[in-house]
Amino acid sequence: MPDTLFGAARLEAVTPLFSGPNWDYAALRQVYDAVERIAVEELGLDVYPVQIEGITSEQMLDAYSSVGLPLMYHHWSFGKRFAYHDTLYRKGLQGLAYEIVINSNPCICYIMEENSMTMQTLVIAHAAFGHNHFFKNNYLFRQWTDANGILDYLSFARDYVAKCEERHGVEAVERVLDAAHALKDHGVNRYAHRTKPNLAEERRRAEEWRAHSEATYNDLWRTVPGAGKEKEDPDAAEARLQEIKRELGLPEENLLYLIEKRAPRLDDWQRELVRIRAILLSAEAADDDERRLRALRPLRDHAAVA
């Protein structure tokens, strides 16, 4: 019996997981099981369940347009981004990522169908387990993101925008989203702590906004210094300035948050659209950094590695 077990172990050690560059789902499953055994049993990684999806280059470009998020509301800027990356890719000026991994539970890992089997093995180890473990255990990701709720929130955001388009018109919704997208680089909290988005809480808060009256309108927004008025005492002017800052929550570097909370003339649905754009920025930032670096690699490098 010991000789039999030793022979089986040796056979397993010398038998390759695959041969050749082509891959199929049976070989992918075998590689996944081998990588999972090393990652979990030997390295002790703590990961979310993994959902692997093979996609084409066109589907990868489509994922680029929505920053890799599996669900997204409709907006013309996504089509613009698709056309931009598609043009660079077709002309050989930009390569595509070998994978995109989503910080969700289950962890969604998109892998390119054009990858070789060797590259698929690397992608599974790197993204499906390496990124996955980082998403689940990194302090900042645990503080700022919610892997359990992001898919539900994406669904809520998409449906909410669609309902707003039906109720208020596409142009009115697009105008708000255009402004929010233009300010997206000024919508990330770099220092303050924030709460995780919760689908039930978002729905409850949306109902409260509908019941919100115009009594919260603040005349300070239209108060400007008038010509011919007497000079104000410096101390009184400073005290007035500090009071305005206090009421407006200043200083505040997150412009989307400031607009959502303090803008006096926005309707409740407009505030919700601004909030959706602000919340989704965190999910986009978590996915976008590495993809942006990979996109800078020329296409010939991608072909050489694969």
Protein backbone atom coordinates (compact mmCIF):
# COMPACT_ATOMS: atom_id res chain seq x y z
CA MET A 1 0.00 0.00 0.00
CA PRO A 2 2.71 2.59 0.83
CA ASP A 3 4.40 1.89 -2.51
CA THR A 4 1.08 2.40 -4.28
CA LEU A 5 0.49 5.74 -2.55
CA PHE A 6 4.03 6.86 -3.26
CA GLY A 7 3.66 5.92 -6.91
CA ALA A 8 0.35 7.81 -7.18
CA ALA A 9 1.85 10.90 -5.59
CA ARG A 10 4.85 10.75 -7.91
CA LEU A 11 2.58 10.29 -10.92
CA GLU A 12 0.57 13.34 -9.90
CA ALA A 13 3.76 15.36 -9.49
CA VAL A 14 5.20 14.55 -12.89
CA THR A 15 1.93 14.75 -14.86
CA PRO A 16 1.50 18.27 -16.33
CA LEU A 17 -1.79 20.05 -15.84
CA PHE A 18 -1.94 20.84 -19.55
CA SER A 19 0.11 20.75 -22.72
CA GLY A 20 0.06 23.25 -25.56
CA PRO A 21 -1.29 26.81 -25.72
CA ASN A 22 -4.95 25.99 -26.33
CA TRP A 23 -7.38 25.69 -23.46
CA ASP A 24 -10.82 24.30 -22.75
CA TYR A 25 -13.07 24.42 -19.70
CA ALA A 26 -12.00 20.97 -18.50
CA ALA A 27 -8.35 22.03 -18.44
CA LEU A 28 -9.34 25.35 -16.87
CA ARG A 29 -11.14 23.50 -14.10
CA GLN A 30 -8.13 21.29 -13.46
CA VAL A 31 -5.82 24.29 -13.25
CA TYR A 32 -8.27 26.13 -11.00
CA ASP A 33 -8.41 23.20 -8.55
CA ALA A 34 -4.61 22.99 -8.46
CA VAL A 35 -4.21 26.74 -7.88
CA GLU A 36 -6.95 26.72 -5.25
CA ARG A 37 -5.23 23.93 -3.36
CA ILE A 38 -1.95 25.85 -3.27
CA ALA A 39 -3.58 29.19 -2.45
CA VAL A 40 -5.88 27.97 0.33
CA GLU A 41 -4.10 24.98 1.83
CA GLU A 42 -0.44 25.98 1.44
CA LEU A 43 -0.54 29.79 1.46
CA GLY A 44 -3.59 30.14 3.69
CA LEU A 45 -5.36 32.74 1.53
CA ASP A 46 -8.86 33.77 2.61
CA VAL A 47 -10.93 34.45 -0.50
CA TYR A 48 -14.50 35.00 -1.67
CA PRO A 49 -16.11 32.33 -3.86
CA VAL A 50 -14.91 32.77 -7.44
CA GLN A 51 -17.01 33.17 -10.58
CA ILE A 52 -14.88 32.91 -13.74
CA GLU A 53 -16.27 34.14 -17.06
CA GLY A 54 -14.51 33.88 -20.42
CA ILE A 55 -15.00 36.92 -22.65
CA THR A 56 -13.94 38.03 -26.12
CA SER A 57 -11.84 41.07 -26.94
CA GLU A 58 -15.00 43.01 -27.86
CA GLN A 59 -16.58 42.11 -24.53
CA MET A 60 -13.39 43.23 -22.79
CA LEU A 61 -13.63 46.56 -24.59
CA ASP A 62 -17.24 46.79 -23.47
CA ALA A 63 -16.10 46.14 -19.89
CA TYR A 64 -13.55 48.94 -20.32
CA SER A 65 -16.34 51.35 -21.21
CA SER A 66 -18.07 50.81 -17.84
CA VAL A 67 -14.79 50.50 -15.91
CA GLY A 68 -15.26 46.76 -15.55
CA LEU A 69 -18.48 46.90 -13.57
CA PRO A 70 -20.91 44.12 -14.57
CA LEU A 71 -24.01 46.35 -14.31
CA MET A 72 -24.24 50.03 -15.17
CA TYR A 73 -26.81 52.67 -16.02
CA HIS A 74 -27.03 54.09 -19.55
CA HIS A 75 -24.90 57.11 -20.42
CA TRP A 76 -23.37 58.33 -23.67
CA SER A 77 -19.89 58.59 -22.15
CA PHE A 78 -19.64 54.80 -21.97
CA GLY A 79 -20.11 54.54 -25.73
CA LYS A 80 -17.52 57.27 -26.23
CA ARG A 81 -15.06 55.36 -24.07
CA PHE A 82 -15.77 52.14 -25.98
CA ALA A 83 -15.06 53.83 -29.32
CA TYR A 84 -11.84 55.33 -27.95
CA HIS A 85 -10.39 52.04 -26.65
CA ASP A 86 -11.67 50.10 -29.66
CA THR A 87 -9.86 52.44 -32.06
CA LEU A 88 -6.58 52.18 -30.17
CA TYR A 89 -6.89 48.40 -29.97
CA ARG A 90 -7.69 47.92 -33.66
CA LYS A 91 -4.76 50.12 -34.69
CA GLY A 92 -2.34 48.20 -32.48
CA LEU A 93 -1.67 51.17 -30.21
CA GLN A 94 -3.08 49.58 -27.06
CA GLY A 95 -3.24 46.10 -25.64
CA LEU A 96 -6.07 44.70 -23.56
CA ALA A 97 -5.96 43.45 -20.01
CA TYR A 98 -5.59 39.71 -19.61
CA GLU A 99 -8.34 39.82 -17.01
CA ILE A 100 -10.64 42.08 -15.03
CA VAL A 101 -11.58 41.13 -11.49
CA ILE A 102 -14.53 42.64 -9.60
CA ASN A 103 -14.49 43.27 -5.86
CA SER A 104 -17.75 41.45 -5.20
CA ASN A 105 -19.03 38.37 -3.42
CA PRO A 106 -18.78 36.10 -5.37
CA CYS A 107 -15.61 37.57 -6.86
CA ILE A 108 -16.20 37.90 -10.62
CA CYS A 109 -13.11 37.27 -12.74
CA TYR A 110 -13.30 37.98 -16.50
CA ILE A 111 -10.63 36.18 -18.51
CA MET A 112 -9.83 36.75 -22.18
CA GLU A 113 -10.64 33.91 -24.55
CA GLU A 114 -7.54 34.84 -26.57
CA ASN A 115 -5.24 34.04 -23.63
CA SER A 116 -3.08 30.95 -23.87
CA MET A 117 -3.48 28.20 -21.30
CA THR A 118 -0.31 29.36 -19.59
CA MET A 119 -1.72 32.87 -19.35
CA GLN A 120 -5.03 31.56 -18.03
CA THR A 121 -3.12 29.76 -15.28
CA LEU A 122 -1.32 32.98 -14.37
CA VAL A 123 -4.57 34.95 -14.47
CA ILE A 124 -6.37 32.51 -12.17
CA ALA A 125 -3.54 32.60 -9.65
CA HIS A 126 -3.05 36.35 -9.86
CA ALA A 127 -6.62 37.63 -10.08
CA ALA A 128 -9.00 34.91 -8.90
CA PHE A 129 -6.95 34.31 -5.75
CA GLY A 130 -4.38 37.10 -5.37
CA HIS A 131 -6.70 40.07 -5.96
CA ASN A 132 -9.53 38.18 -4.32
CA HIS A 133 -7.59 37.73 -1.08
CA PHE A 134 -6.55 41.39 -1.17
CA PHE A 135 -10.12 42.56 -1.70
CA LYS A 136 -11.39 40.54 1.25
CA ASN A 137 -8.62 41.30 3.73
CA ASN A 138 -7.09 44.69 2.95
CA TYR A 139 -7.96 47.25 5.62
CA LEU A 140 -8.90 50.05 3.23
CA PHE A 141 -10.98 47.80 0.98
CA ARG A 142 -12.86 46.49 4.00
CA GLN A 143 -13.45 50.06 5.21
CA TRP A 144 -14.45 51.69 1.92
CA THR A 145 -16.08 48.94 -0.13
CA ASP A 146 -18.82 46.38 0.34
CA ALA A 147 -18.29 43.21 -1.70
CA ASN A 148 -21.56 41.73 -0.46
CA GLY A 149 -23.67 44.68 -1.51
CA ILE A 150 -22.05 46.11 -4.64
CA LEU A 151 -23.98 43.95 -7.13
CA ASP A 152 -27.30 44.81 -5.48
CA TYR A 153 -26.41 48.49 -5.48
CA LEU A 154 -25.41 48.41 -9.15
CA SER A 155 -28.80 46.88 -9.94
CA PHE A 156 -30.54 49.54 -7.84
CA ALA A 157 -28.58 52.36 -9.56
CA ARG A 158 -29.36 51.08 -13.05
CA ASP A 159 -33.07 50.69 -12.30
CA TYR A 160 -33.28 54.06 -10.54
CA VAL A 161 -31.74 55.92 -13.47
CA ALA A 162 -34.09 54.13 -15.89
CA LYS A 163 -37.13 55.10 -13.78
CA CYS A 164 -35.94 58.72 -13.64
CA GLU A 165 -35.66 58.75 -17.43
CA GLU A 166 -39.24 57.53 -17.72
CA ARG A 167 -40.58 60.02 -15.21
CA HIS A 168 -38.51 63.16 -15.89
CA GLY A 169 -37.21 62.61 -19.42
CA VAL A 170 -33.89 61.43 -20.81
CA GLU A 171 -32.53 64.94 -21.36
CA ALA A 172 -33.15 66.04 -17.77
CA VAL A 173 -31.46 62.93 -16.38
CA GLU A 174 -28.57 63.22 -18.82
CA ARG A 175 -27.98 66.81 -17.80
CA VAL A 176 -27.49 65.81 -14.15
CA LEU A 177 -25.33 62.80 -15.01
CA ASP A 178 -23.21 64.90 -17.36
CA ALA A 179 -22.46 67.34 -14.54
CA ALA A 180 -21.74 64.50 -12.09
CA HIS A 181 -19.44 62.76 -14.57
CA ALA A 182 -17.59 66.02 -15.20
CA LEU A 183 -16.89 66.32 -11.46
CA LYS A 184 -16.01 62.66 -10.90
CA ASP A 185 -12.33 63.43 -10.29
CA HIS A 186 -13.42 65.63 -7.41
CA GLY A 187 -15.77 63.10 -5.85
CA VAL A 188 -13.51 60.77 -3.85
CA ASN A 189 -13.14 60.97 -0.08
CA ARG A 190 -9.41 60.82 0.54
CA TYR A 191 -9.44 61.29 4.29
CA ALA A 192 -12.88 61.00 5.85
CA HIS A 193 -14.49 57.72 6.80
CA ARG A 194 -17.65 56.75 4.97
CA THR A 195 -20.42 54.26 5.48
CA LYS A 196 -20.93 51.29 3.20
CA PRO A 197 -23.84 51.52 0.74
CA ASN A 198 -26.84 49.44 1.75
CA LEU A 199 -29.66 48.72 -0.68
CA ALA A 200 -32.45 48.89 1.92
CA GLU A 201 -30.99 52.06 3.39
CA GLU A 202 -30.73 53.66 -0.06
CA ARG A 203 -34.39 52.94 -0.78
CA ARG A 204 -35.48 54.27 2.61
CA ARG A 205 -33.43 57.43 2.16
CA ALA A 206 -34.83 57.93 -1.36
CA GLU A 207 -38.35 57.90 0.11
CA GLU A 208 -37.32 60.47 2.71
CA TRP A 209 -36.00 62.74 -0.03
CA ARG A 210 -39.38 62.61 -1.77
CA ALA A 211 -41.01 63.85 1.42
CA HIS A 212 -38.42 66.59 1.84
CA SER A 213 -39.95 70.06 1.59
CA GLU A 214 -38.51 73.22 0.15
CA ALA A 215 -38.28 74.66 3.65
CA THR A 216 -34.59 73.78 3.68
CA TYR A 217 -33.84 76.41 1.05
CA ASN A 218 -31.02 78.64 2.26
CA ASP A 219 -30.90 82.28 1.16
CA LEU A 220 -27.15 82.32 1.70
CA TRP A 221 -26.71 80.78 -1.75
CA ARG A 222 -28.04 83.89 -3.45
CA THR A 223 -26.60 86.42 -1.01
CA VAL A 224 -23.82 88.44 -2.63
CA PRO A 225 -22.10 91.66 -1.55
CA GLY A 226 -24.09 94.64 -2.80
CA ALA A 227 -22.67 97.88 -4.22
CA GLY A 228 -23.00 101.01 -2.14
CA LYS A 229 -23.31 99.19 1.16
CA GLU A 230 -21.29 100.30 4.14
CA LYS A 231 -18.14 98.40 4.91
CA GLU A 232 -18.73 95.51 7.28
CA ASP A 233 -16.72 95.22 10.45
CA PRO A 234 -13.79 92.77 9.83
CA ASP A 235 -14.61 90.73 12.91
CA ALA A 236 -18.29 90.56 11.97
CA ALA A 237 -17.37 89.63 8.40
CA GLU A 238 -15.11 86.83 9.62
CA ALA A 239 -17.79 85.56 11.99
CA ARG A 240 -20.32 85.62 9.15
CA LEU A 241 -17.90 83.75 6.88
CA GLN A 242 -17.33 81.08 9.50
CA GLU A 243 -21.08 80.71 9.96
CA ILE A 244 -21.55 80.25 6.22
CA LYS A 245 -18.79 77.63 6.17
CA ARG A 246 -20.37 75.83 9.08
CA GLU A 247 -23.80 75.75 7.46
CA LEU A 248 -22.37 74.56 4.16
CA GLY A 249 -20.09 71.98 5.77
CA LEU A 250 -16.91 73.61 4.48
CA PRO A 251 -14.13 72.88 3.87
CA GLU A 252 -15.23 69.89 1.76
CA GLU A 253 -13.04 68.60 -1.07
CA ASN A 254 -15.60 66.05 -2.28
CA LEU A 255 -17.66 68.24 -4.60
CA LEU A 256 -20.21 65.54 -5.41
CA TYR A 257 -20.89 65.05 -1.70
CA LEU A 258 -21.17 68.81 -1.19
CA ILE A 259 -23.65 69.14 -4.06
CA GLU A 260 -25.70 66.18 -2.91
CA LYS A 261 -25.98 67.45 0.68
CA ARG A 262 -26.03 71.23 0.30
CA ALA A 263 -27.24 72.28 -3.15
CA PRO A 264 -30.55 74.07 -2.40
CA ARG A 265 -32.24 73.82 -5.79
CA LEU A 266 -31.86 70.13 -6.60
CA ASP A 267 -34.89 67.88 -6.52
CA ASP A 268 -34.69 64.64 -4.56
CA TRP A 269 -34.19 62.52 -7.69
CA GLN A 270 -31.37 64.78 -8.86
CA ARG A 271 -29.62 64.42 -5.51
CA GLU A 272 -29.97 60.67 -5.80
CA LEU A 273 -28.33 60.68 -9.23
CA VAL A 274 -25.40 62.68 -7.88
CA ARG A 275 -25.13 60.27 -4.96
CA ILE A 276 -25.15 57.24 -7.27
CA ARG A 277 -22.31 58.72 -9.32
CA ALA A 278 -20.32 59.44 -6.13
CA ILE A 279 -20.81 55.96 -4.64
CA LEU A 280 -19.89 54.15 -7.85
CA LEU A 281 -16.61 56.06 -8.00
CA SER A 282 -15.24 53.87 -5.20
CA ALA A 283 -16.09 50.69 -7.08
CA GLU A 284 -14.54 52.08 -10.26
CA ALA A 285 -11.35 53.17 -8.51
CA ALA A 286 -10.90 49.72 -7.00
CA ASP A 287 -10.91 48.14 -10.45
CA ASP A 288 -9.39 50.81 -12.66
CA ASP A 289 -5.81 51.29 -11.45
CA GLU A 290 -4.23 48.06 -12.65
CA ARG A 291 -6.31 47.99 -15.85
CA ARG A 292 -5.06 51.46 -16.70
CA LEU A 293 -1.45 50.33 -16.32
CA ARG A 294 -2.02 47.26 -18.47
CA ALA A 295 -3.67 49.33 -21.20
CA LEU A 296 -0.43 51.26 -21.67
CA ARG A 297 1.37 48.13 -22.86
CA PRO A 298 1.68 47.88 -26.65
CA LEU A 299 -0.26 45.12 -28.33
CA ARG A 300 2.95 43.36 -29.38
CA ASP A 301 3.88 42.87 -25.71
CA HIS A 302 0.50 41.26 -25.08
CA ALA A 303 1.02 38.90 -28.04
CA ALA A 304 4.54 38.05 -26.99
CA VAL A 305 3.54 37.07 -23.47
CA ALA A 306 0.44 35.15 -24.52
